[in-house]
Amino acid sequence: MSPGPAGDVALFTRAAGYALEGLAEVTGTDLDRPTPCAGWDLRTLLLHLADSADGLTALARSGELALPDPPRAGDADPAAVARDRLLVLLDVVTSAGDDGAGAAARAGAVEVAAHGWDVARACGSTRPVPPGLAADLLAVATSSLPGGVRPHLFAAPVDLPATAPAEDRLVAFLGRRPAALPVAPGVSEPGS
């Protein structure tokens, strides 16, 4: 990954592609399935992803993160809404120019890839985050998520050996339990 706004846009484009692949797998019967985010079903996660995309679009356009308030709720097809909002964000980020898109692309890459992974797991897919993308996202996440901000965005990291694959280390850093790490009986998954 090349540093700077152009590299951030390229990283976001890869992350968005991964998330969009997962959204294409969602069916109406999947919406009530649990996700790796404690207490969230897939419908809630998809609406959160749509809201996040709208907030990041505002960041790319104006320099200010503005999440919808109140959060989106009740959309009949939350997968389509999330896909449409993500496509708008992708268009804005790739056409905004380096200065306007860098911050939104950098933050958005981690957010949309993490939720793309959540969507895949909720749908029963084992589609991995591609190793190169996972390694690049892990580098961004570990360098840009200070401890004071982290509790507002992601659950506490899950312990995992440094020798684990990049995808597992990425999702573990973001508070998710990698597929390679089974959940002990009676232990709930961490939050989002």
C-alpha atoms as a PDB file:
ATOM      1  CA  MET A   1       0.000   0.000   0.000  1.00  0.00           C
ATOM      2  CA  SER A   2       1.411   3.376  -0.949  1.00  0.00           C
ATOM      3  CA  PRO A   3       1.171   6.063   1.731  1.00  0.00           C
ATOM      4  CA  GLY A   4      -0.878   9.219   1.297  1.00  0.00           C
ATOM      5  CA  PRO A   5      -4.344  10.080   0.022  1.00  0.00           C
ATOM      6  CA  ALA A   6      -3.999   8.216  -3.300  1.00  0.00           C
ATOM      7  CA  GLY A   7      -2.965   5.058  -1.438  1.00  0.00           C
ATOM      8  CA  ASP A   8      -5.875   5.541   0.977  1.00  0.00           C
ATOM      9  CA  VAL A   9      -8.323   5.799  -1.932  1.00  0.00           C
ATOM     10  CA  ALA A  10      -6.886   2.654  -3.517  1.00  0.00           C
ATOM     11  CA  LEU A  11      -7.161   0.817  -0.179  1.00  0.00           C
ATOM     12  CA  PHE A  12     -10.756   1.976   0.257  1.00  0.00           C
ATOM     13  CA  THR A  13     -11.619   0.817  -3.266  1.00  0.00           C
ATOM     14  CA  ARG A  14     -10.315  -2.674  -2.457  1.00  0.00           C
ATOM     15  CA  ALA A  15     -12.145  -2.756   0.892  1.00  0.00           C
ATOM     16  CA  ALA A  16     -15.394  -1.562  -0.688  1.00  0.00           C
ATOM     17  CA  GLY A  17     -15.104  -4.260  -3.361  1.00  0.00           C
ATOM     18  CA  TYR A  18     -14.773  -6.889  -0.646  1.00  0.00           C
ATOM     19  CA  ALA A  19     -17.792  -5.520   1.255  1.00  0.00           C
ATOM     20  CA  LEU A  20     -19.916  -5.279  -1.904  1.00  0.00           C
ATOM     21  CA  GLU A  21     -19.204  -8.957  -2.670  1.00  0.00           C
ATOM     22  CA  GLY A  22     -20.611  -9.833   0.754  1.00  0.00           C
ATOM     23  CA  LEU A  23     -23.682  -7.652   0.300  1.00  0.00           C
ATOM     24  CA  ALA A  24     -24.459  -9.521  -2.925  1.00  0.00           C
ATOM     25  CA  GLU A  25     -24.750 -12.743  -0.885  1.00  0.00           C
ATOM     26  CA  VAL A  26     -27.440 -11.438   1.484  1.00  0.00           C
ATOM     27  CA  THR A  27     -30.963 -12.802   1.081  1.00  0.00           C
ATOM     28  CA  GLY A  28     -34.152 -11.761   2.831  1.00  0.00           C
ATOM     29  CA  THR A  29     -34.009 -14.864   5.000  1.00  0.00           C
ATOM     30  CA  ASP A  30     -30.598 -13.801   6.357  1.00  0.00           C
ATOM     31  CA  LEU A  31     -31.741 -10.523   7.937  1.00  0.00           C
ATOM     32  CA  ASP A  32     -32.557 -11.926  11.377  1.00  0.00           C
ATOM     33  CA  ARG A  33     -29.315 -13.903  11.658  1.00  0.00           C
ATOM     34  CA  PRO A  34     -26.881 -12.934  14.416  1.00  0.00           C
ATOM     35  CA  THR A  35     -23.619 -11.233  13.457  1.00  0.00           C
ATOM     36  CA  PRO A  36     -20.176 -11.293  15.067  1.00  0.00           C
ATOM     37  CA  CYS A  37     -21.230  -8.019  16.753  1.00  0.00           C
ATOM     38  CA  ALA A  38     -22.880  -8.932  20.068  1.00  0.00           C
ATOM     39  CA  GLY A  39     -26.589  -8.152  20.133  1.00  0.00           C
ATOM     40  CA  TRP A  40     -26.785  -7.185  16.444  1.00  0.00           C
ATOM     41  CA  ASP A  41     -28.697  -9.054  13.803  1.00  0.00           C
ATOM     42  CA  LEU A  42     -27.779  -8.707  10.137  1.00  0.00           C
ATOM     43  CA  ARG A  43     -30.555  -6.159   9.483  1.00  0.00           C
ATOM     44  CA  THR A  44     -29.163  -3.850  12.201  1.00  0.00           C
ATOM     45  CA  LEU A  45     -25.617  -4.272  10.909  1.00  0.00           C
ATOM     46  CA  LEU A  46     -26.618  -3.471   7.330  1.00  0.00           C
ATOM     47  CA  LEU A  47     -28.430  -0.301   8.395  1.00  0.00           C
ATOM     48  CA  HIS A  48     -25.390   0.685  10.474  1.00  0.00           C
ATOM     49  CA  LEU A  49     -23.181   0.130   7.415  1.00  0.00           C
ATOM     50  CA  ALA A  50     -25.477   2.385   5.363  1.00  0.00           C
ATOM     51  CA  ASP A  51     -25.312   5.083   8.066  1.00  0.00           C
ATOM     52  CA  SER A  52     -21.522   4.759   8.253  1.00  0.00           C
ATOM     53  CA  ALA A  53     -21.278   5.136   4.480  1.00  0.00           C
ATOM     54  CA  ASP A  54     -23.411   8.295   4.649  1.00  0.00           C
ATOM     55  CA  GLY A  55     -21.236   9.701   7.445  1.00  0.00           C
ATOM     56  CA  LEU A  56     -18.061   8.970   5.512  1.00  0.00           C
ATOM     57  CA  THR A  57     -19.582  10.522   2.377  1.00  0.00           C
ATOM     58  CA  ALA A  58     -20.162  13.695   4.373  1.00  0.00           C
ATOM     59  CA  LEU A  59     -16.550  13.533   5.590  1.00  0.00           C
ATOM     60  CA  ALA A  60     -15.258  13.235   2.023  1.00  0.00           C
ATOM     61  CA  ARG A  61     -17.431  16.126   0.834  1.00  0.00           C
ATOM     62  CA  SER A  62     -17.165  18.561   3.733  1.00  0.00           C
ATOM     63  CA  GLY A  63     -14.363  17.401   5.984  1.00  0.00           C
ATOM     64  CA  GLU A  64     -16.825  16.640   8.799  1.00  0.00           C
ATOM     65  CA  LEU A  65     -18.095  13.219   9.813  1.00  0.00           C
ATOM     66  CA  ALA A  66     -21.877  13.513  10.072  1.00  0.00           C
ATOM     67  CA  LEU A  67     -23.740  10.322  10.904  1.00  0.00           C
ATOM     68  CA  PRO A  68     -27.507  10.261  10.361  1.00  0.00           C
ATOM     69  CA  ASP A  69     -29.401  11.127  13.534  1.00  0.00           C
ATOM     70  CA  PRO A  70     -31.482   9.224  14.394  1.00  0.00           C
ATOM     71  CA  PRO A  71     -29.871   6.113  12.919  1.00  0.00           C
ATOM     72  CA  ARG A  72     -31.564   4.550   9.913  1.00  0.00           C
ATOM     73  CA  ALA A  73     -34.262   1.982  10.769  1.00  0.00           C
ATOM     74  CA  GLY A  74     -37.047   0.066   9.091  1.00  0.00           C
ATOM     75  CA  ASP A  75     -35.792  -0.069   5.500  1.00  0.00           C
ATOM     76  CA  ALA A  76     -37.473  -2.918   3.627  1.00  0.00           C
ATOM     77  CA  ASP A  77     -34.267  -4.071   1.915  1.00  0.00           C
ATOM     78  CA  PRO A  78     -31.333  -3.117   4.155  1.00  0.00           C
ATOM     79  CA  ALA A  79     -28.811  -4.957   1.957  1.00  0.00           C
ATOM     80  CA  ALA A  80     -29.836  -2.855  -1.046  1.00  0.00           C
ATOM     81  CA  VAL A  81     -29.709   0.321   1.047  1.00  0.00           C
ATOM     82  CA  ALA A  82     -26.229  -0.545   2.350  1.00  0.00           C
ATOM     83  CA  ARG A  83     -25.041  -1.386  -1.171  1.00  0.00           C
ATOM     84  CA  ASP A  84     -26.445   1.854  -2.619  1.00  0.00           C
ATOM     85  CA  ARG A  85     -24.948   4.019   0.149  1.00  0.00           C
ATOM     86  CA  LEU A  86     -21.601   2.246  -0.190  1.00  0.00           C
ATOM     87  CA  LEU A  87     -21.622   2.813  -3.963  1.00  0.00           C
ATOM     88  CA  VAL A  88     -22.315   6.532  -3.411  1.00  0.00           C
ATOM     89  CA  LEU A  89     -19.401   6.682  -0.966  1.00  0.00           C
ATOM     90  CA  LEU A  90     -17.144   4.835  -3.408  1.00  0.00           C
ATOM     91  CA  ASP A  91     -18.057   7.299  -6.157  1.00  0.00           C
ATOM     92  CA  VAL A  92     -17.452  10.325  -3.920  1.00  0.00           C
ATOM     93  CA  VAL A  93     -14.135   8.997  -2.599  1.00  0.00           C
ATOM     94  CA  THR A  94     -12.773   8.077  -6.039  1.00  0.00           C
ATOM     95  CA  SER A  95     -13.841  11.365  -7.645  1.00  0.00           C
ATOM     96  CA  ALA A  96     -13.176  13.823  -4.786  1.00  0.00           C
ATOM     97  CA  GLY A  97      -9.480  14.199  -5.465  1.00  0.00           C
ATOM     98  CA  ASP A  98      -6.698  13.380  -3.054  1.00  0.00           C
ATOM     99  CA  ASP A  99      -7.326  16.127  -0.508  1.00  0.00           C
ATOM    100  CA  GLY A 100     -11.059  15.589  -0.074  1.00  0.00           C
ATOM    101  CA  ALA A 101     -11.033  11.822   0.017  1.00  0.00           C
ATOM    102  CA  GLY A 102      -8.003  10.790   2.076  1.00  0.00           C
ATOM    103  CA  ALA A 103      -9.508  10.851   5.578  1.00  0.00           C
ATOM    104  CA  ALA A 104     -12.806   9.281   4.512  1.00  0.00           C
ATOM    105  CA  ALA A 105     -10.999   6.610   2.509  1.00  0.00           C
ATOM    106  CA  ARG A 106      -8.598   5.707   5.313  1.00  0.00           C
ATOM    107  CA  ALA A 107     -11.297   5.466   7.991  1.00  0.00           C
ATOM    108  CA  GLY A 108     -13.800   3.913   5.628  1.00  0.00           C
ATOM    109  CA  ALA A 109     -11.507   1.147   4.448  1.00  0.00           C
ATOM    110  CA  VAL A 110     -11.303  -0.405   7.897  1.00  0.00           C
ATOM    111  CA  GLU A 111     -14.995   0.158   8.663  1.00  0.00           C
ATOM    112  CA  VAL A 112     -16.426  -1.307   5.455  1.00  0.00           C
ATOM    113  CA  ALA A 113     -14.042  -4.266   5.327  1.00  0.00           C
ATOM    114  CA  ALA A 114     -14.775  -5.158   8.959  1.00  0.00           C
ATOM    115  CA  HIS A 115     -18.497  -5.033   8.323  1.00  0.00           C
ATOM    116  CA  GLY A 116     -18.051  -6.886   5.028  1.00  0.00           C
ATOM    117  CA  TRP A 117     -16.466  -9.669   7.080  1.00  0.00           C
ATOM    118  CA  ASP A 118     -19.345  -9.473   9.587  1.00  0.00           C
ATOM    119  CA  VAL A 119     -21.893  -9.770   6.761  1.00  0.00           C
ATOM    120  CA  ALA A 120     -20.117 -12.784   5.278  1.00  0.00           C
ATOM    121  CA  ARG A 121     -20.024 -14.555   8.641  1.00  0.00           C
ATOM    122  CA  ALA A 122     -23.673 -13.775   9.367  1.00  0.00           C
ATOM    123  CA  CYS A 123     -24.628 -15.298   6.009  1.00  0.00           C
ATOM    124  CA  GLY A 124     -22.584 -18.424   6.743  1.00  0.00           C
ATOM    125  CA  SER A 125     -19.898 -17.598   4.175  1.00  0.00           C
ATOM    126  CA  THR A 126     -16.248 -18.287   4.814  1.00  0.00           C
ATOM    127  CA  ARG A 127     -15.150 -15.808   2.124  1.00  0.00           C
ATOM    128  CA  PRO A 128     -11.931 -14.380   3.562  1.00  0.00           C
ATOM    129  CA  VAL A 129     -10.583 -10.855   3.453  1.00  0.00           C
ATOM    130  CA  PRO A 130      -7.862 -11.234   0.802  1.00  0.00           C
ATOM    131  CA  PRO A 131      -4.479 -11.599   2.557  1.00  0.00           C
ATOM    132  CA  GLY A 132      -2.885  -8.477   1.032  1.00  0.00           C
ATOM    133  CA  LEU A 133      -5.941  -6.369   1.819  1.00  0.00           C
ATOM    134  CA  ALA A 134      -6.094  -7.746   5.361  1.00  0.00           C
ATOM    135  CA  ALA A 135      -2.408  -6.926   5.953  1.00  0.00           C
ATOM    136  CA  ASP A 136      -2.838  -3.377   4.625  1.00  0.00           C
ATOM    137  CA  LEU A 137      -5.985  -2.813   6.703  1.00  0.00           C
ATOM    138  CA  LEU A 138      -4.285  -4.177   9.816  1.00  0.00           C
ATOM    139  CA  ALA A 139      -1.444  -1.685   9.343  1.00  0.00           C
ATOM    140  CA  VAL A 140      -3.949   1.180   9.019  1.00  0.00           C
ATOM    141  CA  ALA A 141      -6.069   0.013  11.954  1.00  0.00           C
ATOM    142  CA  THR A 142      -3.161  -0.454  14.349  1.00  0.00           C
ATOM    143  CA  SER A 143      -1.710   2.941  13.479  1.00  0.00           C
ATOM    144  CA  SER A 144      -4.946   4.927  13.504  1.00  0.00           C
ATOM    145  CA  LEU A 145      -7.083   3.576  16.351  1.00  0.00           C
ATOM    146  CA  PRO A 146      -5.781   5.135  19.576  1.00  0.00           C
ATOM    147  CA  GLY A 147      -6.922   3.528  22.809  1.00  0.00           C
ATOM    148  CA  GLY A 148      -9.201   6.424  23.801  1.00  0.00           C
ATOM    149  CA  VAL A 149     -11.153   6.278  20.533  1.00  0.00           C
ATOM    150  CA  ARG A 150     -11.302   2.517  20.249  1.00  0.00           C
ATOM    151  CA  PRO A 151     -14.107   1.779  22.782  1.00  0.00           C
ATOM    152  CA  HIS A 152     -16.462   4.011  20.767  1.00  0.00           C
ATOM    153  CA  LEU A 153     -15.743   2.170  17.531  1.00  0.00           C
ATOM    154  CA  PHE A 154     -14.789  -1.447  18.200  1.00  0.00           C
ATOM    155  CA  ALA A 155     -14.816  -4.043  20.945  1.00  0.00           C
ATOM    156  CA  ALA A 156     -11.643  -4.893  22.826  1.00  0.00           C
ATOM    157  CA  PRO A 157      -9.072  -6.854  20.811  1.00  0.00           C
ATOM    158  CA  VAL A 158      -9.212 -10.638  20.948  1.00  0.00           C
ATOM    159  CA  ASP A 159      -5.914 -12.283  21.897  1.00  0.00           C
ATOM    160  CA  LEU A 160      -4.332 -14.064  18.977  1.00  0.00           C
ATOM    161  CA  PRO A 161      -0.763 -15.154  18.206  1.00  0.00           C
ATOM    162  CA  ALA A 162       1.277 -12.794  16.025  1.00  0.00           C
ATOM    163  CA  THR A 163       1.862 -15.741  13.693  1.00  0.00           C
ATOM    164  CA  ALA A 164      -1.854 -15.977  12.794  1.00  0.00           C
ATOM    165  CA  PRO A 165      -2.898 -15.060   9.241  1.00  0.00           C
ATOM    166  CA  ALA A 166      -3.432 -11.344   8.529  1.00  0.00           C
ATOM    167  CA  GLU A 167      -7.227 -11.724   8.254  1.00  0.00           C
ATOM    168  CA  ASP A 168      -7.449 -13.343  11.684  1.00  0.00           C
ATOM    169  CA  ARG A 169      -5.177 -10.699  13.237  1.00  0.00           C
ATOM    170  CA  LEU A 170      -7.234  -7.918  11.609  1.00  0.00           C
ATOM    171  CA  VAL A 171     -10.603  -9.126  12.835  1.00  0.00           C
ATOM    172  CA  ALA A 172      -9.161  -9.977  16.256  1.00  0.00           C
ATOM    173  CA  PHE A 173      -7.710  -6.464  16.532  1.00  0.00           C
ATOM    174  CA  LEU A 174     -11.185  -5.116  15.708  1.00  0.00           C
ATOM    175  CA  GLY A 175     -12.763  -7.146  18.514  1.00  0.00           C
ATOM    176  CA  ARG A 176     -14.065 -10.074  16.520  1.00  0.00           C
ATOM    177  CA  ARG A 177     -13.378 -13.743  17.077  1.00  0.00           C
ATOM    178  CA  PRO A 178     -11.606 -15.191  14.028  1.00  0.00           C
ATOM    179  CA  ALA A 179     -13.019 -18.394  12.556  1.00  0.00           C
ATOM    180  CA  ALA A 180      -9.815 -20.163  13.599  1.00  0.00           C
ATOM    181  CA  LEU A 181     -10.555 -19.377  17.255  1.00  0.00           C
ATOM    182  CA  PRO A 182     -13.657 -21.302  18.413  1.00  0.00           C
ATOM    183  CA  VAL A 183     -16.054 -19.740  20.881  1.00  0.00           C
ATOM    184  CA  ALA A 184     -16.022 -21.486  24.239  1.00  0.00           C
ATOM    185  CA  PRO A 185     -19.425 -22.759  25.427  1.00  0.00           C
ATOM    186  CA  GLY A 186     -21.303 -20.051  27.312  1.00  0.00           C
ATOM    187  CA  VAL A 187     -19.047 -17.241  26.021  1.00  0.00           C
ATOM    188  CA  SER A 188     -20.730 -14.561  23.936  1.00  0.00           C
ATOM    189  CA  GLU A 189     -19.084 -12.873  20.973  1.00  0.00           C
ATOM    190  CA  PRO A 190     -17.579  -9.421  21.524  1.00  0.00           C
ATOM    191  CA  GLY A 191     -19.441  -6.293  20.382  1.00  0.00           C
ATOM    192  CA  SER A 192     -18.873  -4.264  17.249  1.00  0.00           C
END
